Amino acid sequence: MTATRGEAPGEAWTIRRVLAWAVDDLKKRGFSSARLDAELLLCHVLRIDRIKLLVDAERPLDKAELARYRELFLRRRSGEPIAYLLGVREFYGRPFRVDRRVLVPRPDTETLVEVALARTRHLDLAARVLDLCTGSGCVAISLARERPTTCVLGLDLSPDAATVARENVVRLGATNCAIGVSDLFSALEGRSAVFDLITANPPYIPEAEIDTLMVDVRGFEPRLALSGGADGLVILRRIAEEAPRHLAPGGVLAVEVMAGQAPDVSALFAAQGFSAIEIQKDLGGHERIVSGVWGQSPARPGGAPIEETVWAGKP
């Protein structure tokens, strides 16, 4: 940060001046959320809320604060998601810890939580829930907190993502939620665990389209959480095919999909025998969630209840 034309070199870098400089710079580079980004970063550095930015607009920053703000600002200018810089992203009314090990939770994914809750209102209080591709744990933990008498298990292929999710379980007091590492259902094979609800926000972007995404997505978020294979349906296809072995009769499967994929995923559900298949739109009006009911009882070995088979082992 250097003095601009018409400003004295020794002029203090106040909150007002820092924000004016940062917003102007981001706008020139095409950032649509320039002011919000600049303010959130400064609030993070100063540990104050946005109201205080207005109240204390003439407060000068010290050298350490300026250095920290400049570091974060330059990272944002390079495209790094604001959520990674702040280390937190709000989802379903709760602050989730996030970093480059996990996908940034999106508002559209809150629709998955809403659909899951709406379609399982009839279940008893001790319902069993499985969240695949759990990432930061935002869906699993939201369901656990909204339904505190349920037992929720979140699984992710990435050990790093599972670590972040476990931290969020502790941070947010989701004592009825466990997190494990698994390639979809693989950790459950050979166990008698069945679920009343299975949710998933899996990788669904076609591989060839990833390099066309915004830089803050393609350059920073984990590719493992983005790529759905050649047609974007590789993981969704597996989930639809394998879920019936792990659903109780009348259990619900609900998945998030890319805009335009809902008809194909609905067909996958129907081919596997799901009924009452529904498609819900997200906040932007895109078909985002596909859900269905498993009405048949597939052959399953007998055994201990889910609490003993899954929670005790903490896969």
Foldseek 3Di string as FASTA:
>chain_A
DADDPPDDRPDFAFLQNQLVVQLVVLVVVPDPCRNVLLQVLLCLLVVHDSVVCVVRRRHGDDPVSVVSSVVLSVVVSVQADSCQSSQWDDEPRDTAGDHQQFDHDDNQCNVLLVVQCVLCVVPDLAFEEEEEQCQLVRSQQVNCVVRVNYAYEYEHQDPSSQVNNVVRCVVVVSPRYFYAYDPGCVVCPPHQAAGQEYEYAAAQDAPVCLVVDRCNPSVGHDVRRHHCYHRSCNSLLVCLQPNLQRYAAFGKYKYWYDFPCQVVSLVSNVVNPFPPWDWDAGPVRGGTMIMTTHHDRDDGDDDDYPCVGDVVVSD
